[in-house]
Structure formats: C-alpha cells, structure tokens
N, C-alpha and C. Protein backbone atom coordinates (compact mmCIF):
# COMPACT_ATOMS: atom_id res chain seq x y z
N MET A 1 5.29 -18.85 20.57
CA MET A 1 4.09 -18.06 20.35
C MET A 1 4.11 -17.38 18.98
N PHE A 2 5.27 -17.00 18.48
CA PHE A 2 5.34 -16.28 17.22
C PHE A 2 5.84 -17.17 16.08
N LEU A 3 5.53 -18.43 16.15
CA LEU A 3 5.87 -19.35 15.09
C LEU A 3 4.59 -19.75 14.37
N GLY A 4 4.74 -20.24 13.14
CA GLY A 4 3.57 -20.70 12.41
C GLY A 4 3.34 -19.88 11.16
N SER A 5 2.16 -20.07 10.61
CA SER A 5 1.79 -19.37 9.38
C SER A 5 1.58 -17.87 9.66
N PRO A 6 1.55 -17.05 8.60
CA PRO A 6 1.26 -15.63 8.81
C PRO A 6 -0.06 -15.40 9.55
N LYS A 7 -1.07 -16.21 9.24
CA LYS A 7 -2.36 -16.06 9.91
C LYS A 7 -2.23 -16.37 11.40
N GLU A 8 -1.51 -17.44 11.74
CA GLU A 8 -1.30 -17.79 13.14
C GLU A 8 -0.50 -16.71 13.86
N PHE A 9 0.53 -16.21 13.19
CA PHE A 9 1.34 -15.13 13.76
C PHE A 9 0.46 -13.91 14.07
N SER A 10 -0.38 -13.54 13.10
CA SER A 10 -1.26 -12.39 13.27
C SER A 10 -2.23 -12.61 14.42
N MET A 11 -2.82 -13.78 14.50
CA MET A 11 -3.79 -14.06 15.57
C MET A 11 -3.12 -14.06 16.94
N ASN A 12 -1.91 -14.64 17.03
CA ASN A 12 -1.19 -14.65 18.31
C ASN A 12 -0.77 -13.24 18.72
N THR A 13 -0.37 -12.43 17.76
CA THR A 13 -0.01 -11.04 18.06
C THR A 13 -1.23 -10.28 18.57
N ARG A 14 -2.37 -10.50 17.92
CA ARG A 14 -3.61 -9.83 18.34
C ARG A 14 -4.00 -10.23 19.76
N LYS A 15 -3.79 -11.51 20.11
CA LYS A 15 -4.08 -11.96 21.47
C LYS A 15 -3.21 -11.22 22.48
N LEU A 16 -1.98 -10.96 22.10
CA LEU A 16 -1.02 -10.31 22.99
C LEU A 16 -1.27 -8.81 23.11
N THR A 17 -1.54 -8.14 21.99
CA THR A 17 -1.63 -6.67 21.99
C THR A 17 -3.05 -6.13 21.94
N GLY A 18 -4.01 -6.95 21.56
CA GLY A 18 -5.38 -6.48 21.41
C GLY A 18 -5.65 -6.08 19.98
N LYS A 19 -6.92 -6.01 19.64
CA LYS A 19 -7.32 -5.65 18.28
C LYS A 19 -7.21 -4.14 18.07
N SER A 20 -6.67 -3.75 16.93
CA SER A 20 -6.54 -2.32 16.62
C SER A 20 -7.91 -1.74 16.30
N PRO A 21 -8.16 -0.51 16.75
CA PRO A 21 -9.44 0.13 16.40
C PRO A 21 -9.43 0.56 14.93
N MET A 22 -10.59 0.71 14.34
CA MET A 22 -10.73 1.17 12.97
C MET A 22 -10.30 2.64 12.91
N PRO A 23 -9.44 3.01 11.97
CA PRO A 23 -9.07 4.43 11.82
C PRO A 23 -10.30 5.27 11.47
N PRO A 24 -10.24 6.58 11.68
CA PRO A 24 -11.38 7.43 11.34
C PRO A 24 -11.65 7.41 9.84
N LEU A 25 -12.91 7.61 9.47
CA LEU A 25 -13.34 7.51 8.08
C LEU A 25 -12.55 8.46 7.17
N TRP A 26 -12.25 9.68 7.64
CA TRP A 26 -11.55 10.65 6.80
C TRP A 26 -10.16 10.15 6.39
N SER A 27 -9.56 9.26 7.18
CA SER A 27 -8.21 8.79 6.86
C SER A 27 -8.19 7.90 5.61
N PHE A 28 -9.34 7.41 5.18
CA PHE A 28 -9.43 6.61 3.96
C PHE A 28 -9.72 7.47 2.74
N GLY A 29 -9.90 8.77 2.94
CA GLY A 29 -10.26 9.68 1.85
C GLY A 29 -9.07 10.13 1.03
N LEU A 30 -9.29 11.15 0.23
CA LEU A 30 -8.28 11.70 -0.66
C LEU A 30 -7.34 12.63 0.10
N TRP A 31 -6.05 12.32 0.03
CA TRP A 31 -5.02 13.14 0.67
C TRP A 31 -4.32 13.96 -0.40
N MET A 32 -4.16 15.24 -0.14
CA MET A 32 -3.43 16.13 -1.06
C MET A 32 -2.16 16.59 -0.35
N SER A 33 -1.08 16.67 -1.11
CA SER A 33 0.20 17.09 -0.55
C SER A 33 1.08 17.64 -1.65
N ARG A 34 2.09 18.34 -1.26
CA ARG A 34 3.15 18.74 -2.16
C ARG A 34 4.42 18.81 -1.35
N CYS A 35 5.52 18.92 -2.00
CA CYS A 35 6.79 18.81 -1.30
C CYS A 35 6.97 19.92 -0.25
N THR A 36 6.69 21.14 -0.61
CA THR A 36 6.80 22.24 0.35
C THR A 36 5.77 23.32 0.05
N TYR A 37 5.45 24.06 1.06
CA TYR A 37 4.65 25.28 0.93
C TYR A 37 5.54 26.40 1.41
N SER A 38 5.77 27.40 0.58
CA SER A 38 6.70 28.46 0.98
C SER A 38 6.00 29.65 1.61
N ALA A 39 4.67 29.65 1.58
CA ALA A 39 3.95 30.77 2.17
C ALA A 39 2.60 30.29 2.71
N GLU A 40 2.15 30.93 3.76
CA GLU A 40 0.86 30.59 4.35
C GLU A 40 -0.27 30.72 3.33
N GLN A 41 -0.16 31.69 2.44
CA GLN A 41 -1.21 31.92 1.44
C GLN A 41 -1.39 30.69 0.53
N GLN A 42 -0.32 29.97 0.24
CA GLN A 42 -0.43 28.76 -0.58
C GLN A 42 -1.28 27.70 0.14
N VAL A 43 -1.09 27.58 1.43
CA VAL A 43 -1.88 26.61 2.20
C VAL A 43 -3.34 27.04 2.22
N ARG A 44 -3.58 28.31 2.43
CA ARG A 44 -4.97 28.79 2.46
C ARG A 44 -5.66 28.59 1.12
N ARG A 45 -4.96 28.78 0.01
CA ARG A 45 -5.54 28.52 -1.32
C ARG A 45 -5.89 27.04 -1.48
N SER A 46 -5.03 26.18 -0.97
CA SER A 46 -5.29 24.74 -1.05
C SER A 46 -6.54 24.36 -0.28
N ARG A 47 -6.78 25.02 0.81
CA ARG A 47 -7.97 24.72 1.62
C ARG A 47 -9.26 25.05 0.87
N GLN A 48 -9.21 25.96 -0.10
CA GLN A 48 -10.40 26.29 -0.88
C GLN A 48 -10.89 25.10 -1.68
N MET A 49 -10.02 24.13 -1.93
CA MET A 49 -10.42 22.94 -2.66
C MET A 49 -11.49 22.16 -1.91
N ARG A 50 -11.56 22.31 -0.60
CA ARG A 50 -12.56 21.60 0.20
C ARG A 50 -13.98 21.98 -0.22
N GLU A 51 -14.15 23.14 -0.82
CA GLU A 51 -15.47 23.60 -1.21
C GLU A 51 -15.97 22.93 -2.49
N LYS A 52 -15.09 22.27 -3.21
CA LYS A 52 -15.45 21.64 -4.48
C LYS A 52 -15.95 20.21 -4.24
N PRO A 53 -16.87 19.74 -5.09
CA PRO A 53 -17.32 18.35 -4.96
C PRO A 53 -16.16 17.38 -5.16
N ASP A 54 -16.19 16.28 -4.49
CA ASP A 54 -15.14 15.25 -4.58
C ASP A 54 -13.77 15.82 -4.30
N SER A 55 -13.71 16.72 -3.33
CA SER A 55 -12.43 17.35 -3.02
C SER A 55 -11.66 16.51 -2.01
N MET A 56 -10.55 17.05 -1.56
CA MET A 56 -9.67 16.33 -0.63
C MET A 56 -10.31 16.23 0.75
N ASP A 57 -9.89 15.22 1.47
CA ASP A 57 -10.30 15.05 2.87
C ASP A 57 -9.19 15.47 3.82
N VAL A 58 -7.94 15.42 3.34
CA VAL A 58 -6.77 15.74 4.17
C VAL A 58 -5.81 16.59 3.36
N LEU A 59 -5.31 17.65 3.97
CA LEU A 59 -4.22 18.44 3.38
C LEU A 59 -2.98 18.15 4.23
N HIS A 60 -2.04 17.44 3.64
CA HIS A 60 -0.84 17.03 4.35
C HIS A 60 0.24 18.10 4.16
N LEU A 61 0.68 18.69 5.26
CA LEU A 61 1.73 19.72 5.21
C LEU A 61 3.07 19.04 5.46
N ASP A 62 3.86 18.92 4.42
CA ASP A 62 5.16 18.26 4.52
C ASP A 62 6.18 19.21 5.10
N THR A 63 7.20 18.66 5.72
CA THR A 63 8.25 19.49 6.32
C THR A 63 9.18 20.09 5.28
N GLY A 64 9.20 19.50 4.10
CA GLY A 64 10.06 20.03 3.04
C GLY A 64 11.53 19.75 3.26
N GLY A 65 11.83 18.90 4.20
CA GLY A 65 13.21 18.64 4.52
C GLY A 65 13.69 17.40 3.88
C-alpha cells in the first residue's frame, strides 16, 4: 500500500487517514515572535501592533528554553 511514487504514496495515505482540513486563515498570516519575553508588559506592548495596518496575525510566545 505504501509503495510507488510520492503521488501514489500521498493518495494511499489520504485513503487510509482521510483528507486534512484546511487550517484557519489566520495561520497563513504574519507571525511575530522573539526568543523570550521577560515581563508581561513586553507582551502587552507587542499586542499594540495589531492596531497598525498590515500588522501581525499571531503573537507567538516562546518558552525561552
């Protein structure tokens, strides 16, 4: 079942597991991140960017680890 070309492999896998749903539209947008945030105030300042045109769609909070 999992032999053949990449296209055949993909089609056979889809038959077995089902077709994946389309991710939400925001997940294709601009993601902003930095290595760490040391204070809540830094995160709140970053959220102000949402008010600007062509701003971020996602603020990714990294663990910093």
